[in-house]
Amino acid sequence: QFASGNGVAGAVTVNLATIEALMLTGANGEGVTTANLGSAAAVAAAFNAEFAITAADGEFTMLVVNDTNGNSFSVWDWAQAGGGETAAGELLLLGIFTGNATVTTASFDLV
């Protein structure tokens, strides 16, 4: 199950015990620029600005972030290692992708 941002900083509360993936849509400045899709620090800051996350140490999820100025996105693996907010050191970049349009939650099939 995905939780998506809604364009209002810090407004989305999620618990990783029930959520499999988080997405930033790229709308309303929600995400990062194309140049920052590979920056763990920028991605962590963007997710921390949009989500209030509850996660126990060892919980993990997939993060998908659209760029705010194009049709690219990156996919990250996040493993909670220290409680609190997402930290750059907890992120592993899985890939940066370019598409014909903005990626949505319907673009993924989580099993």
N, C-alpha and C. Protein backbone atom coordinates (compact mmCIF):
# COMPACT_ATOMS: atom_id res chain seq x y z
N GLN A 1 0.84 -1.17 0.00
CA GLN A 1 0.00 0.00 0.00
C GLN A 1 0.89 1.24 0.00
N PHE A 2 0.56 2.19 -0.87
CA PHE A 2 1.28 3.45 -0.97
C PHE A 2 0.63 4.52 -0.10
N ALA A 3 1.45 5.40 0.42
CA ALA A 3 0.98 6.66 0.99
C ALA A 3 1.61 7.75 0.13
N SER A 4 0.80 8.67 -0.34
CA SER A 4 1.30 9.75 -1.18
C SER A 4 1.18 11.07 -0.45
N GLY A 5 2.11 11.96 -0.76
CA GLY A 5 2.05 13.30 -0.21
C GLY A 5 0.86 14.05 -0.78
N ASN A 6 0.48 15.11 -0.11
CA ASN A 6 -0.67 15.88 -0.58
C ASN A 6 -0.33 17.35 -0.85
N GLY A 7 0.97 17.67 -0.90
CA GLY A 7 1.38 19.03 -1.21
C GLY A 7 1.36 19.98 -0.03
N VAL A 8 1.05 19.50 1.17
CA VAL A 8 1.06 20.33 2.36
C VAL A 8 2.12 19.77 3.30
N ALA A 9 3.18 20.52 3.53
CA ALA A 9 4.33 20.03 4.30
C ALA A 9 3.93 19.44 5.64
N GLY A 10 4.38 18.23 5.90
CA GLY A 10 4.17 17.58 7.19
C GLY A 10 2.75 17.14 7.47
N ALA A 11 1.89 17.18 6.48
CA ALA A 11 0.48 16.92 6.71
C ALA A 11 0.10 15.44 6.66
N VAL A 12 0.95 14.58 6.13
CA VAL A 12 0.58 13.18 5.96
C VAL A 12 1.24 12.34 7.04
N THR A 13 0.42 11.73 7.89
CA THR A 13 0.92 10.86 8.95
C THR A 13 0.87 9.42 8.47
N VAL A 14 2.00 8.71 8.59
CA VAL A 14 2.06 7.32 8.16
C VAL A 14 2.76 6.48 9.21
N ASN A 15 2.37 5.21 9.26
CA ASN A 15 3.00 4.23 10.12
C ASN A 15 3.50 3.11 9.21
N LEU A 16 4.80 2.86 9.22
CA LEU A 16 5.36 1.86 8.31
C LEU A 16 4.93 0.44 8.64
N ALA A 17 4.26 0.25 9.77
CA ALA A 17 3.72 -1.07 10.06
C ALA A 17 2.58 -1.42 9.10
N THR A 18 1.98 -0.40 8.48
CA THR A 18 0.84 -0.64 7.58
C THR A 18 1.05 -0.10 6.17
N ILE A 19 2.16 0.58 5.91
CA ILE A 19 2.43 1.18 4.60
C ILE A 19 3.66 0.52 3.99
N GLU A 20 3.58 0.16 2.71
CA GLU A 20 4.70 -0.50 2.03
C GLU A 20 5.59 0.47 1.26
N ALA A 21 5.04 1.60 0.86
CA ALA A 21 5.81 2.55 0.05
C ALA A 21 5.28 3.96 0.24
N LEU A 22 6.18 4.93 0.06
CA LEU A 22 5.83 6.35 0.14
C LEU A 22 6.16 7.00 -1.19
N MET A 23 5.32 7.94 -1.62
CA MET A 23 5.56 8.63 -2.89
C MET A 23 5.38 10.12 -2.74
N LEU A 24 6.29 10.84 -3.37
CA LEU A 24 6.15 12.28 -3.56
C LEU A 24 5.86 12.50 -5.03
N THR A 25 4.78 13.20 -5.33
CA THR A 25 4.26 13.27 -6.70
C THR A 25 4.98 14.26 -7.61
N GLY A 26 5.72 15.19 -7.04
CA GLY A 26 6.35 16.23 -7.85
C GLY A 26 5.47 17.47 -8.01
N ALA A 27 4.20 17.38 -7.63
CA ALA A 27 3.28 18.51 -7.74
C ALA A 27 3.47 19.47 -6.56
N ASN A 28 3.19 20.73 -6.78
CA ASN A 28 3.26 21.76 -5.73
C ASN A 28 4.61 21.80 -5.02
N GLY A 29 5.68 21.51 -5.75
CA GLY A 29 7.01 21.52 -5.16
C GLY A 29 7.30 20.31 -4.30
N GLU A 30 6.43 19.33 -4.32
CA GLU A 30 6.57 18.13 -3.49
C GLU A 30 7.48 17.13 -4.21
N GLY A 31 8.73 17.10 -3.83
CA GLY A 31 9.71 16.24 -4.45
C GLY A 31 11.04 16.96 -4.49
N VAL A 32 11.87 16.63 -5.46
CA VAL A 32 13.16 17.28 -5.65
C VAL A 32 13.34 17.58 -7.13
N THR A 33 14.31 18.43 -7.46
CA THR A 33 14.59 18.70 -8.86
C THR A 33 15.26 17.49 -9.50
N THR A 34 15.27 17.46 -10.81
CA THR A 34 15.93 16.37 -11.54
C THR A 34 17.37 16.20 -11.07
N ALA A 35 18.07 17.31 -10.89
CA ALA A 35 19.47 17.26 -10.48
C ALA A 35 19.66 16.63 -9.10
N ASN A 36 18.62 16.62 -8.26
CA ASN A 36 18.72 16.08 -6.90
C ASN A 36 18.10 14.70 -6.72
N LEU A 37 17.65 14.07 -7.80
CA LEU A 37 17.03 12.75 -7.67
C LEU A 37 17.99 11.71 -7.08
N GLY A 38 19.28 11.90 -7.25
CA GLY A 38 20.26 10.96 -6.71
C GLY A 38 20.88 11.41 -5.40
N SER A 39 20.39 12.50 -4.83
CA SER A 39 20.93 13.02 -3.58
C SER A 39 20.14 12.48 -2.39
N ALA A 40 20.78 11.62 -1.61
CA ALA A 40 20.11 11.05 -0.44
C ALA A 40 19.70 12.14 0.54
N ALA A 41 20.53 13.17 0.70
CA ALA A 41 20.21 14.24 1.63
C ALA A 41 18.98 15.02 1.18
N ALA A 42 18.90 15.33 -0.12
CA ALA A 42 17.75 16.08 -0.65
C ALA A 42 16.48 15.25 -0.58
N VAL A 43 16.58 13.98 -0.90
CA VAL A 43 15.41 13.10 -0.86
C VAL A 43 14.92 12.92 0.57
N ALA A 44 15.83 12.70 1.50
CA ALA A 44 15.44 12.56 2.91
C ALA A 44 14.74 13.82 3.40
N ALA A 45 15.29 14.98 3.06
CA ALA A 45 14.68 16.25 3.48
C ALA A 45 13.29 16.42 2.89
N ALA A 46 13.10 16.03 1.64
CA ALA A 46 11.78 16.15 0.99
C ALA A 46 10.75 15.25 1.67
N PHE A 47 11.12 14.01 1.99
CA PHE A 47 10.19 13.11 2.66
C PHE A 47 9.89 13.58 4.08
N ASN A 48 10.89 14.09 4.78
CA ASN A 48 10.67 14.60 6.13
C ASN A 48 9.76 15.82 6.14
N ALA A 49 9.82 16.62 5.08
CA ALA A 49 8.97 17.81 5.00
C ALA A 49 7.51 17.45 4.74
N GLU A 50 7.27 16.33 4.06
CA GLU A 50 5.91 15.96 3.65
C GLU A 50 5.23 14.98 4.59
N PHE A 51 6.01 14.09 5.22
CA PHE A 51 5.42 13.02 6.02
C PHE A 51 5.83 13.11 7.48
N ALA A 52 4.92 12.74 8.36
CA ALA A 52 5.21 12.49 9.77
C ALA A 52 5.20 10.97 9.90
N ILE A 53 6.39 10.37 9.96
CA ILE A 53 6.54 8.92 9.84
C ILE A 53 6.77 8.28 11.20
N THR A 54 6.05 7.20 11.45
CA THR A 54 6.30 6.35 12.60
C THR A 54 6.89 5.05 12.07
N ALA A 55 8.09 4.71 12.56
CA ALA A 55 8.75 3.48 12.12
C ALA A 55 9.67 2.99 13.22
N ALA A 56 9.61 1.71 13.49
CA ALA A 56 10.52 1.10 14.45
C ALA A 56 11.85 0.80 13.76
N ASP A 57 12.91 0.76 14.53
CA ASP A 57 14.20 0.40 13.95
C ASP A 57 14.07 -0.95 13.25
N GLY A 58 14.64 -1.03 12.05
CA GLY A 58 14.59 -2.26 11.27
C GLY A 58 13.46 -2.30 10.26
N GLU A 59 12.44 -1.44 10.40
CA GLU A 59 11.38 -1.39 9.40
C GLU A 59 11.92 -0.74 8.14
N PHE A 60 11.40 -1.17 7.01
CA PHE A 60 11.87 -0.61 5.76
C PHE A 60 10.70 -0.38 4.82
N THR A 61 10.92 0.48 3.84
CA THR A 61 9.91 0.78 2.85
C THR A 61 10.58 1.28 1.58
N MET A 62 9.82 1.33 0.51
CA MET A 62 10.29 1.88 -0.74
C MET A 62 9.86 3.34 -0.81
N LEU A 63 10.76 4.20 -1.24
CA LEU A 63 10.45 5.62 -1.44
C LEU A 63 10.52 5.91 -2.93
N VAL A 64 9.50 6.58 -3.46
CA VAL A 64 9.48 7.00 -4.86
C VAL A 64 9.30 8.51 -4.86
N VAL A 65 10.19 9.19 -5.56
CA VAL A 65 10.12 10.65 -5.61
C VAL A 65 10.19 11.13 -7.05
N ASN A 66 9.17 11.86 -7.46
CA ASN A 66 9.15 12.49 -8.78
C ASN A 66 9.94 13.78 -8.73
N ASP A 67 10.49 14.16 -9.87
CA ASP A 67 11.13 15.47 -9.90
C ASP A 67 10.06 16.55 -10.03
N THR A 68 10.44 17.76 -9.70
CA THR A 68 9.50 18.87 -9.72
C THR A 68 9.60 19.68 -11.01
N ASN A 69 10.50 19.27 -11.90
CA ASN A 69 10.73 20.06 -13.11
C ASN A 69 10.88 19.21 -14.37
N GLY A 70 10.32 17.98 -14.37
CA GLY A 70 10.42 17.13 -15.55
C GLY A 70 9.60 15.87 -15.40
N ASN A 71 10.01 14.83 -16.09
CA ASN A 71 9.32 13.53 -16.03
C ASN A 71 10.27 12.42 -15.61
N SER A 72 11.07 12.70 -14.61
CA SER A 72 11.99 11.69 -14.07
C SER A 72 11.62 11.39 -12.63
N PHE A 73 12.08 10.25 -12.13
CA PHE A 73 11.84 9.89 -10.74
C PHE A 73 12.95 8.97 -10.26
N SER A 74 13.09 8.88 -8.95
CA SER A 74 14.04 7.93 -8.38
C SER A 74 13.32 7.04 -7.38
N VAL A 75 13.89 5.85 -7.20
CA VAL A 75 13.34 4.86 -6.28
C VAL A 75 14.44 4.53 -5.26
N TRP A 76 14.06 4.55 -4.01
CA TRP A 76 14.99 4.33 -2.91
C TRP A 76 14.47 3.25 -1.97
N ASP A 77 15.38 2.57 -1.31
CA ASP A 77 15.05 1.66 -0.22
C ASP A 77 15.42 2.40 1.07
N TRP A 78 14.50 2.48 2.01
CA TRP A 78 14.77 3.14 3.28
C TRP A 78 14.60 2.13 4.41
N ALA A 79 15.65 1.97 5.22
CA ALA A 79 15.59 1.12 6.40
C ALA A 79 15.80 2.01 7.63
N GLN A 80 14.80 2.06 8.49
CA GLN A 80 14.87 2.88 9.70
C GLN A 80 15.96 2.32 10.60
N ALA A 81 16.91 3.17 10.94
CA ALA A 81 18.04 2.70 11.74
C ALA A 81 18.25 3.47 13.03
N GLY A 82 17.56 4.59 13.20
CA GLY A 82 17.84 5.37 14.40
C GLY A 82 16.64 6.07 15.00
N GLY A 83 15.44 5.67 14.58
CA GLY A 83 14.26 6.34 15.09
C GLY A 83 14.15 7.74 14.52
N GLY A 84 13.01 8.32 14.63
CA GLY A 84 12.82 9.69 14.16
C GLY A 84 12.70 9.78 12.65
N GLU A 85 13.19 10.89 12.12
CA GLU A 85 13.02 11.19 10.70
C GLU A 85 13.92 10.34 9.81
N THR A 86 13.62 10.39 8.52
CA THR A 86 14.43 9.73 7.52
C THR A 86 15.80 10.42 7.47
N ALA A 87 16.86 9.63 7.47
CA ALA A 87 18.22 10.18 7.39
C ALA A 87 18.87 9.71 6.09
N ALA A 88 19.71 10.55 5.52
CA ALA A 88 20.38 10.22 4.26
C ALA A 88 21.14 8.90 4.34
N GLY A 89 21.75 8.62 5.48
CA GLY A 89 22.51 7.38 5.65
C GLY A 89 21.66 6.12 5.69
N GLU A 90 20.36 6.27 5.82
CA GLU A 90 19.44 5.12 5.86
C GLU A 90 18.90 4.77 4.47
N LEU A 91 19.26 5.57 3.45
CA LEU A 91 18.70 5.41 2.11
C LEU A 91 19.66 4.69 1.18
N LEU A 92 19.12 3.84 0.33
CA LEU A 92 19.87 3.15 -0.71
C LEU A 92 19.19 3.43 -2.04
N LEU A 93 19.89 4.07 -2.96
CA LEU A 93 19.34 4.39 -4.28
C LEU A 93 19.21 3.11 -5.10
N LEU A 94 17.99 2.84 -5.58
CA LEU A 94 17.76 1.68 -6.44
C LEU A 94 17.83 2.06 -7.91
N GLY A 95 17.46 3.30 -8.25
CA GLY A 95 17.56 3.73 -9.63
C GLY A 95 16.93 5.08 -9.87
N ILE A 96 17.38 5.71 -10.96
CA ILE A 96 16.79 6.96 -11.46
C ILE A 96 16.25 6.66 -12.84
N PHE A 97 15.01 7.06 -13.09
CA PHE A 97 14.31 6.69 -14.31
C PHE A 97 13.70 7.92 -14.98
N THR A 98 13.56 7.85 -16.29
CA THR A 98 12.92 8.90 -17.06
C THR A 98 11.73 8.30 -17.79
N GLY A 99 10.61 9.02 -17.83
CA GLY A 99 9.41 8.52 -18.49
C GLY A 99 8.79 9.56 -19.38
N ASN A 100 7.69 9.18 -20.01
CA ASN A 100 6.93 10.09 -20.85
C ASN A 100 5.99 10.97 -20.05
N ALA A 101 5.78 10.60 -18.80
CA ALA A 101 4.87 11.33 -17.92
C ALA A 101 5.29 11.08 -16.48
N THR A 102 4.67 11.79 -15.56
CA THR A 102 4.96 11.61 -14.14
C THR A 102 4.52 10.21 -13.71
N VAL A 103 5.37 9.54 -12.95
CA VAL A 103 5.03 8.22 -12.44
C VAL A 103 4.00 8.36 -11.32
N THR A 104 3.10 7.40 -11.22
CA THR A 104 2.06 7.41 -10.19
C THR A 104 2.12 6.09 -9.41
N THR A 105 1.33 5.99 -8.36
CA THR A 105 1.29 4.73 -7.60
C THR A 105 0.80 3.58 -8.47
N ALA A 106 -0.03 3.87 -9.46
CA ALA A 106 -0.54 2.82 -10.34
C ALA A 106 0.56 2.22 -11.23
N SER A 107 1.73 2.87 -11.28
CA SER A 107 2.84 2.39 -12.08
C SER A 107 3.57 1.21 -11.40
N PHE A 108 3.23 0.94 -10.15
CA PHE A 108 3.90 -0.11 -9.38
C PHE A 108 2.91 -1.17 -8.95
N ASP A 109 3.38 -2.40 -8.90
CA ASP A 109 2.57 -3.53 -8.45
C ASP A 109 3.31 -4.17 -7.29
N LEU A 110 2.95 -3.80 -6.07
CA LEU A 110 3.61 -4.35 -4.89
C LEU A 110 2.97 -5.67 -4.51
N VAL A 111 3.80 -6.68 -4.31
CA VAL A 111 3.29 -8.00 -3.91
C VAL A 111 3.94 -8.46 -2.64
